[in-house]
Amino acid sequence: MRSPAVSLILETVFDVAGKQAVRARLNEEMTRPTFWDNQEKAQQIISQLKPLNALLEPFESMQAAALDLGALAELAEEEPSLEAELEAELGKIEQNLGSFETRAMLSGPQDTSNAYIKIQAGTGGTDACDWAQMLLRMYTRWCERHGYKVELVDELKNDEAGIRSATIHLMGDYAYGYLQSETGVHRLVRISPFDSNARRQTSFAAVDVTPDIEGTIEIDIRDDELRRETFRSGGPGGQHQNKTESGVRYTHLPTGIAAESRNERSQHKNAAVALALLKSKLYKIEEQKRQAEVEKQYDEKGEVAWGYQIRNYVMQPYTMVKDVRTDVQTSQVQNVLDGELDPFMEAYLRQKAEREHKKRTG
């Protein structure tokens, strides 16, 4: 029996016909004799095709299995000895549907993209900087669990401990789709390791997740809308980075949005990374504007609002991690900090799918 959640995903979110049409178009482009003339464009097409196949191929396989199951059910009506085989095959399909459910919920225009995560220490002094460092480790461990590549784009260390801010680039299929759930304010409650009186401390850190849109969407930024600044990076890399202005910061003057990179030794590379990150942020702002209109129309508030507290991590006087949006919670705080984030991500995606369903059905 198909669960209501799986039915919702397959029937209202997963646009099979649309994705099959896109795949057919991309496959047709790959057969053209001139396909490899433009290497960059060819790689973009291949990168778009890979996640489509990863989604459509298991779906089509399940479709075929369902037809076989129907035929087996008809035979079992005439031959009761086949009922055990029918039950076993039904169990396999249910299991495959369960594992497919999360992937099918990733239907947004940028869900297949790589992602940037920026972590910013909030109120709480050194404890907040240490908390930001813990979050950086948490997301790095999640990426390791899922085989994603992680590159440190920018890091500003705190003098005493932890980091004031950091930006990482995550590369892998559906990186943004999964990690979009993490945007917001994360709150930690624990006995402060920096307090000689061992008092309980509440710390905050903001997490912003943006899609890597480079090569997939064209964001038009005029030269007169940009301000470029260079600075001494002060980061790891020895004397070269500290003595030369290799760090680059771009500011988009109409919006005031800024992005910077300091971890590459080359100023040219830092400039390219900072510009790509700026485009990603501008795309996210446009997405938020569109989302705000949807939330206003359907009376949904705060899903992706800046500064919205999304999750509490309590280590004393008890242990609990609770997502305030979905009510998913666990007492295994250390496991979460070691990268076990999937239950929180899946609940968020399911909630988002239900909102999409509400929007479609009115």
Protein backbone atom coordinates (compact mmCIF):
# COMPACT_ATOMS: atom_id res chain seq x y z
CA MET A 1 0.00 0.00 0.00
CA ARG A 2 1.54 3.31 -1.02
CA SER A 3 1.88 5.75 1.91
CA PRO A 4 0.12 9.14 1.67
CA ALA A 5 3.50 10.93 1.74
CA VAL A 6 4.84 8.88 -1.17
CA SER A 7 1.60 9.41 -3.09
CA LEU A 8 1.87 13.15 -2.58
CA ILE A 9 5.43 13.24 -3.84
CA LEU A 10 4.91 11.07 -6.88
CA GLU A 11 1.59 12.60 -7.95
CA THR A 12 2.05 16.31 -7.27
CA VAL A 13 5.75 17.15 -6.97
CA PHE A 14 7.69 14.83 -9.22
CA ASP A 15 6.96 16.13 -12.74
CA VAL A 16 7.83 12.95 -14.62
CA ALA A 17 6.76 14.09 -18.08
CA GLY A 18 8.56 17.42 -17.75
CA LYS A 19 11.81 15.84 -16.60
CA GLN A 20 11.63 13.17 -19.32
CA ALA A 21 11.19 15.92 -21.92
CA VAL A 22 14.26 17.77 -20.61
CA ARG A 23 16.28 14.55 -20.63
CA ALA A 24 15.23 13.82 -24.22
CA ARG A 25 16.27 17.32 -25.29
CA LEU A 26 19.67 17.03 -23.59
CA ASN A 27 20.27 13.58 -25.06
CA GLU A 28 19.45 14.96 -28.51
CA GLU A 29 21.98 17.75 -28.05
CA MET A 30 24.65 15.20 -27.09
CA THR A 31 24.15 13.34 -30.38
CA ARG A 32 24.99 16.40 -32.49
CA PRO A 33 28.38 16.29 -34.28
CA THR A 34 29.28 19.73 -32.89
CA PHE A 35 28.51 18.79 -29.28
CA TRP A 36 32.14 18.80 -28.11
CA ASP A 37 33.10 21.97 -29.99
CA ASN A 38 32.23 23.99 -26.91
CA GLN A 39 33.75 22.03 -24.02
CA GLU A 40 32.27 24.24 -21.30
CA LYS A 41 28.74 24.00 -22.65
CA ALA A 42 29.12 20.24 -23.16
CA GLN A 43 30.13 19.78 -19.54
CA GLN A 44 27.14 21.86 -18.42
CA ILE A 45 24.78 19.62 -20.39
CA ILE A 46 26.37 16.50 -18.93
CA SER A 47 26.09 17.93 -15.41
CA GLN A 48 22.37 18.63 -16.00
CA LEU A 49 21.77 15.16 -17.41
CA LYS A 50 23.41 13.26 -14.56
CA PRO A 51 20.93 14.18 -11.80
CA LEU A 52 18.00 13.74 -14.20
CA ASN A 53 19.08 10.16 -14.91
CA ALA A 54 19.65 9.59 -11.20
CA LEU A 55 16.00 10.47 -10.62
CA LEU A 56 14.25 9.13 -13.71
CA GLU A 57 15.99 5.78 -14.08
CA PRO A 58 14.95 4.41 -10.66
CA PHE A 59 11.45 5.82 -11.20
CA GLU A 60 11.10 4.07 -14.55
CA SER A 61 12.50 0.91 -13.01
CA MET A 62 9.81 1.07 -10.33
CA GLN A 63 7.16 1.64 -12.98
CA ALA A 64 8.24 -1.55 -14.73
CA ALA A 65 8.33 -3.43 -11.42
CA ALA A 66 4.79 -2.25 -10.64
CA LEU A 67 3.54 -3.64 -13.96
CA ASP A 68 5.25 -6.98 -13.24
CA LEU A 69 3.70 -6.94 -9.77
CA GLY A 70 0.24 -6.45 -11.28
CA ALA A 71 0.74 -9.44 -13.54
CA LEU A 72 2.00 -11.52 -10.61
CA ALA A 73 -1.06 -10.50 -8.54
CA GLU A 74 -3.36 -11.77 -11.29
CA LEU A 75 -1.52 -15.09 -11.38
CA ALA A 76 -1.64 -15.34 -7.58
CA GLU A 77 -5.44 -15.13 -7.68
CA GLU A 78 -5.44 -18.37 -9.66
CA GLU A 79 -2.41 -19.96 -7.97
CA PRO A 80 -2.32 -19.36 -4.17
CA SER A 81 1.22 -20.76 -3.94
CA LEU A 82 2.47 -17.52 -5.54
CA GLU A 83 1.22 -15.36 -2.67
CA ALA A 84 4.54 -15.58 -0.78
CA GLU A 85 6.43 -14.39 -3.86
CA LEU A 86 3.87 -11.61 -4.32
CA GLU A 87 4.38 -10.42 -0.74
CA ALA A 88 8.16 -10.42 -1.17
CA GLU A 89 8.00 -8.38 -4.38
CA LEU A 90 5.54 -5.95 -2.80
CA GLY A 91 7.96 -5.45 0.09
CA LYS A 92 10.79 -4.64 -2.33
CA ILE A 93 8.71 -2.02 -4.12
CA GLU A 94 7.67 -0.38 -0.85
CA GLN A 95 11.31 -0.23 0.22
CA ASN A 96 12.37 1.31 -3.09
CA LEU A 97 9.57 3.86 -2.87
CA GLY A 98 10.71 4.88 0.60
CA SER A 99 14.30 5.50 -0.51
CA PHE A 100 13.06 7.30 -3.65
CA GLU A 101 10.74 9.63 -1.76
CA THR A 102 13.38 12.10 -0.58
CA ARG A 103 15.02 12.39 -3.99
CA ALA A 104 11.65 13.00 -5.64
CA MET A 105 10.98 15.94 -3.32
CA LEU A 106 13.99 17.77 -4.77
CA SER A 107 12.11 19.41 -7.62
CA GLY A 108 13.20 23.05 -7.35
CA PRO A 109 14.97 24.77 -10.25
CA GLN A 110 18.31 24.80 -8.41
CA ASP A 111 17.94 21.70 -6.22
CA THR A 112 20.47 19.78 -8.33
CA SER A 113 23.11 22.50 -7.93
CA ASN A 114 26.26 22.61 -5.85
CA ALA A 115 25.96 24.91 -2.85
CA TYR A 116 27.68 27.54 -0.74
CA ILE A 117 27.25 27.60 3.02
CA LYS A 118 28.14 30.71 4.98
CA ILE A 119 28.29 30.48 8.78
CA GLN A 120 28.35 33.68 10.82
CA ALA A 121 28.85 33.82 14.61
CA GLY A 122 26.09 35.78 16.34
CA THR A 123 25.58 36.98 19.87
CA GLY A 124 27.49 35.09 22.54
CA GLY A 125 31.08 36.28 22.22
CA THR A 126 33.74 33.56 22.12
CA ASP A 127 31.09 30.91 22.75
CA ALA A 128 29.29 31.98 19.56
CA CYS A 129 32.54 31.82 17.58
CA ASP A 130 33.18 28.34 18.95
CA TRP A 131 29.60 27.39 18.04
CA ALA A 132 30.17 28.62 14.48
CA GLN A 133 33.26 26.38 14.32
CA MET A 134 31.17 23.43 15.54
CA LEU A 135 28.58 24.06 12.81
CA LEU A 136 31.33 24.20 10.19
CA ARG A 137 32.54 20.79 11.38
CA MET A 138 28.95 19.45 11.43
CA TYR A 139 28.31 20.32 7.79
CA THR A 140 31.74 19.07 6.75
CA ARG A 141 31.00 15.73 8.43
CA TRP A 142 27.61 15.53 6.70
CA CYS A 143 29.34 16.06 3.36
CA GLU A 144 31.87 13.34 4.13
CA ARG A 145 29.02 10.93 4.92
CA HIS A 146 27.43 11.63 1.53
CA GLY A 147 30.57 11.72 -0.60
CA TYR A 148 30.46 15.46 -1.32
CA LYS A 149 33.60 17.47 -1.96
CA VAL A 150 34.15 20.47 0.33
CA GLU A 151 36.32 23.52 -0.37
CA LEU A 152 36.94 26.32 2.12
CA VAL A 153 36.24 29.61 0.32
CA ASP A 154 36.66 32.08 3.15
CA GLU A 155 37.41 31.89 6.87
CA LEU A 156 37.85 34.59 9.50
CA LYS A 157 39.18 33.16 12.74
CA ASN A 158 38.41 34.54 16.19
CA ASP A 159 41.41 35.58 18.28
CA GLU A 160 40.58 33.40 21.30
CA ALA A 161 38.78 30.40 19.78
CA GLY A 162 36.48 29.42 16.94
CA ILE A 163 35.61 31.44 13.85
CA ARG A 164 33.79 34.69 13.28
CA SER A 165 32.65 33.53 9.85
CA ALA A 166 33.38 30.94 7.18
CA THR A 167 32.12 30.05 3.70
CA ILE A 168 32.45 26.60 2.17
CA HIS A 169 31.70 25.34 -1.35
CA LEU A 170 29.97 21.95 -1.48
CA MET A 171 30.14 19.95 -4.70
CA GLY A 172 27.87 16.99 -5.37
CA ASP A 173 24.48 16.09 -6.85
CA TYR A 174 21.59 17.85 -5.09
CA ALA A 175 23.86 19.60 -2.58
CA TYR A 176 21.63 22.70 -2.52
CA GLY A 177 18.46 20.62 -2.58
CA TYR A 178 19.35 18.85 0.64
CA LEU A 179 21.06 21.71 2.45
CA GLN A 180 18.50 24.45 1.74
CA SER A 181 16.82 23.35 4.97
CA GLU A 182 19.73 24.72 7.00
CA THR A 183 19.28 28.44 6.27
CA GLY A 184 18.46 30.31 9.48
CA VAL A 185 19.65 30.89 13.02
CA HIS A 186 20.98 27.94 15.02
CA ARG A 187 20.88 28.20 18.84
CA LEU A 188 23.17 26.32 21.23
CA VAL A 189 22.68 25.94 24.99
CA ARG A 190 25.56 24.42 27.01
CA ILE A 191 27.94 24.89 29.92
CA SER A 192 30.48 27.35 28.54
CA PRO A 193 34.03 25.93 28.29
CA PHE A 194 35.24 29.55 28.34
CA ASP A 195 33.55 30.49 31.64
CA SER A 196 35.64 29.84 34.76
CA ASN A 197 32.39 29.63 36.77
CA ALA A 198 31.01 26.93 34.44
CA ARG A 199 27.77 28.78 33.81
CA ARG A 200 25.26 27.86 31.15
CA GLN A 201 25.59 29.94 27.98
CA THR A 202 23.28 30.49 25.02
CA SER A 203 25.01 31.12 21.70
CA PHE A 204 23.72 31.88 18.22
CA ALA A 205 25.12 31.43 14.72
CA ALA A 206 23.49 32.25 11.39
CA VAL A 207 23.70 29.82 8.45
CA ASP A 208 22.97 30.87 4.87
CA VAL A 209 22.83 28.33 2.05
CA THR A 210 22.87 29.51 -1.57
CA PRO A 211 22.98 27.52 -4.83
CA ASP A 212 26.06 27.57 -7.03
CA ILE A 213 24.42 28.95 -10.15
CA GLU A 214 27.62 29.44 -12.17
CA GLY A 215 27.06 27.96 -15.63
CA THR A 216 23.35 27.29 -15.08
CA ILE A 217 21.73 30.74 -14.79
CA GLU A 218 23.01 34.02 -16.14
CA ILE A 219 22.99 36.82 -13.56
CA ASP A 220 23.64 40.13 -15.30
CA ILE A 221 25.79 42.47 -13.19
CA ARG A 222 27.03 45.65 -14.83
CA ASP A 223 30.56 46.84 -14.08
CA ASP A 224 29.27 50.15 -12.75
CA GLU A 225 27.19 48.24 -10.19
CA LEU A 226 30.25 46.60 -8.64
CA ARG A 227 32.78 47.84 -6.13
CA ARG A 228 35.93 45.75 -5.89
CA GLU A 229 38.23 45.88 -2.85
CA THR A 230 41.39 43.96 -2.10
CA PHE A 231 42.79 43.22 1.33
CA ARG A 232 45.43 41.19 3.10
CA SER A 233 43.88 37.84 3.69
CA GLY A 234 45.48 37.06 7.04
CA GLY A 235 44.41 33.46 6.62
CA PRO A 236 46.41 30.23 6.36
CA GLY A 237 49.07 30.11 3.68
CA GLY A 238 52.12 31.68 5.27
CA GLN A 239 53.90 34.94 4.59
CA HIS A 240 52.74 35.37 0.98
CA GLN A 241 49.10 35.76 1.91
CA ASN A 242 49.77 37.99 4.88
CA LYS A 243 52.03 40.42 2.97
CA THR A 244 50.05 40.77 -0.27
CA GLU A 245 46.49 41.89 -0.86
CA SER A 246 45.30 38.56 -2.26
CA GLY A 247 41.84 38.74 -0.66
CA VAL A 248 39.05 40.16 -2.85
CA ARG A 249 35.66 41.57 -1.87
CA TYR A 250 32.91 42.50 -4.34
CA THR A 251 29.96 44.68 -3.33
CA HIS A 252 26.83 44.95 -5.46
CA LEU A 253 26.04 48.66 -5.07
CA PRO A 254 22.27 48.59 -5.82
CA THR A 255 21.60 46.02 -3.09
CA GLY A 256 24.61 46.36 -0.79
CA ILE A 257 25.18 42.58 -1.02
CA ALA A 258 28.87 41.68 -0.63
CA ALA A 259 30.93 38.53 -1.11
CA GLU A 260 34.59 37.89 -0.48
CA SER A 261 37.25 35.22 -0.83
CA ARG A 262 40.60 35.09 0.89
CA ASN A 263 41.71 31.45 0.89
CA GLU A 264 43.31 31.27 -2.55
CA ARG A 265 46.92 32.48 -2.87
CA SER A 266 46.11 34.14 -6.20
CA GLN A 267 44.16 37.40 -6.24
CA HIS A 268 42.75 36.40 -9.63
CA LYS A 269 41.33 33.15 -8.23
CA ASN A 270 39.92 34.92 -5.19
CA ALA A 271 38.23 37.44 -7.51
CA ALA A 272 36.59 34.65 -9.53
CA VAL A 273 35.36 32.85 -6.41
CA ALA A 274 34.04 36.07 -4.84
CA LEU A 275 32.13 37.02 -8.02
CA ALA A 276 30.57 33.56 -8.29
CA LEU A 277 29.51 33.75 -4.65
CA LEU A 278 28.04 37.23 -5.18
CA LYS A 279 25.95 35.97 -8.10
CA SER A 280 24.76 33.09 -5.93
CA LYS A 281 23.65 35.52 -3.21
CA LEU A 282 21.81 37.75 -5.68
CA TYR A 283 19.98 34.72 -7.07
CA LYS A 284 19.00 33.72 -3.54
CA ILE A 285 17.62 37.20 -2.86
CA GLU A 286 15.42 36.97 -5.97
CA GLU A 287 14.23 33.54 -4.84
CA GLN A 288 13.39 34.95 -1.41
CA LYS A 289 11.32 37.72 -3.00
CA ARG A 290 9.34 35.17 -4.95
CA GLN A 291 8.99 32.98 -1.86
CA ALA A 292 7.74 35.97 0.16
CA GLU A 293 4.95 36.47 -2.35
CA VAL A 294 3.97 32.80 -2.06
CA GLU A 295 4.06 32.96 1.74
CA LYS A 296 1.90 36.09 1.73
CA GLN A 297 -0.63 34.47 -0.55
CA TYR A 298 -0.86 31.25 1.45
CA ASP A 299 -0.37 32.82 4.88
CA GLU A 300 2.94 31.05 5.43
CA LYS A 301 5.46 33.24 7.20
CA GLY A 302 9.15 32.97 7.95
CA GLU A 303 10.18 29.82 6.09
CA VAL A 304 13.30 31.40 4.66
CA ALA A 305 13.33 34.74 6.46
CA TRP A 306 16.66 36.18 7.55
CA GLY A 307 17.35 35.70 11.24
CA TYR A 308 14.63 33.10 11.68
CA GLN A 309 15.53 30.63 14.42
CA ILE A 310 15.13 27.18 12.97
CA ARG A 311 16.79 24.77 15.39
CA ASN A 312 17.81 24.48 19.05
CA TYR A 313 20.74 22.38 20.23
CA VAL A 314 20.62 21.82 24.01
CA MET A 315 23.53 20.08 25.74
CA GLN A 316 22.75 21.08 29.36
CA PRO A 317 20.80 20.49 31.58
CA TYR A 318 19.48 17.80 29.19
CA THR A 319 20.35 16.77 25.65
CA MET A 320 18.00 17.63 22.80
CA VAL A 321 18.11 18.88 19.22
CA LYS A 322 14.74 20.16 18.02
CA ASP A 323 13.76 21.77 14.74
CA VAL A 324 11.14 24.39 15.54
CA ARG A 325 9.65 24.29 12.02
CA THR A 326 8.97 20.57 11.74
CA ASP A 327 9.08 19.49 15.43
CA VAL A 328 11.58 16.75 14.55
CA GLN A 329 13.76 16.13 17.58
CA THR A 330 16.36 13.76 19.00
CA SER A 331 18.28 13.41 22.25
CA GLN A 332 21.41 12.29 20.35
CA VAL A 333 23.04 15.72 20.18
CA GLN A 334 26.54 14.42 19.49
CA ASN A 335 25.33 12.32 16.57
CA VAL A 336 23.74 15.41 15.02
CA LEU A 337 26.93 17.42 15.53
CA ASP A 338 28.76 14.54 13.82
CA GLY A 339 26.65 15.08 10.70
CA GLU A 340 23.47 13.04 11.20
CA LEU A 341 21.19 15.68 9.69
CA ASP A 342 19.11 13.61 7.27
CA PRO A 343 15.94 13.33 9.45
CA PHE A 344 15.81 17.12 9.78
CA MET A 345 16.38 17.65 6.05
CA GLU A 346 13.79 15.06 5.02
CA ALA A 347 11.15 16.53 7.34
CA TYR A 348 11.77 19.99 5.93
CA LEU A 349 11.49 18.74 2.34
CA ARG A 350 8.29 16.88 3.16
CA GLN A 351 6.83 20.02 4.72
CA LYS A 352 7.86 22.02 1.67
CA ALA A 353 6.25 19.43 -0.63
CA GLU A 354 3.01 19.68 1.31
CA ARG A 355 3.04 23.45 0.86
CA GLU A 356 3.59 22.98 -2.87
CA HIS A 357 0.63 20.62 -2.88
CA LYS A 358 -1.49 23.21 -1.08
CA LYS A 359 -0.45 25.84 -3.61
CA ARG A 360 -1.38 23.60 -6.54
CA THR A 361 -4.72 22.47 -5.17
CA GLY A 362 -5.73 25.84 -3.75
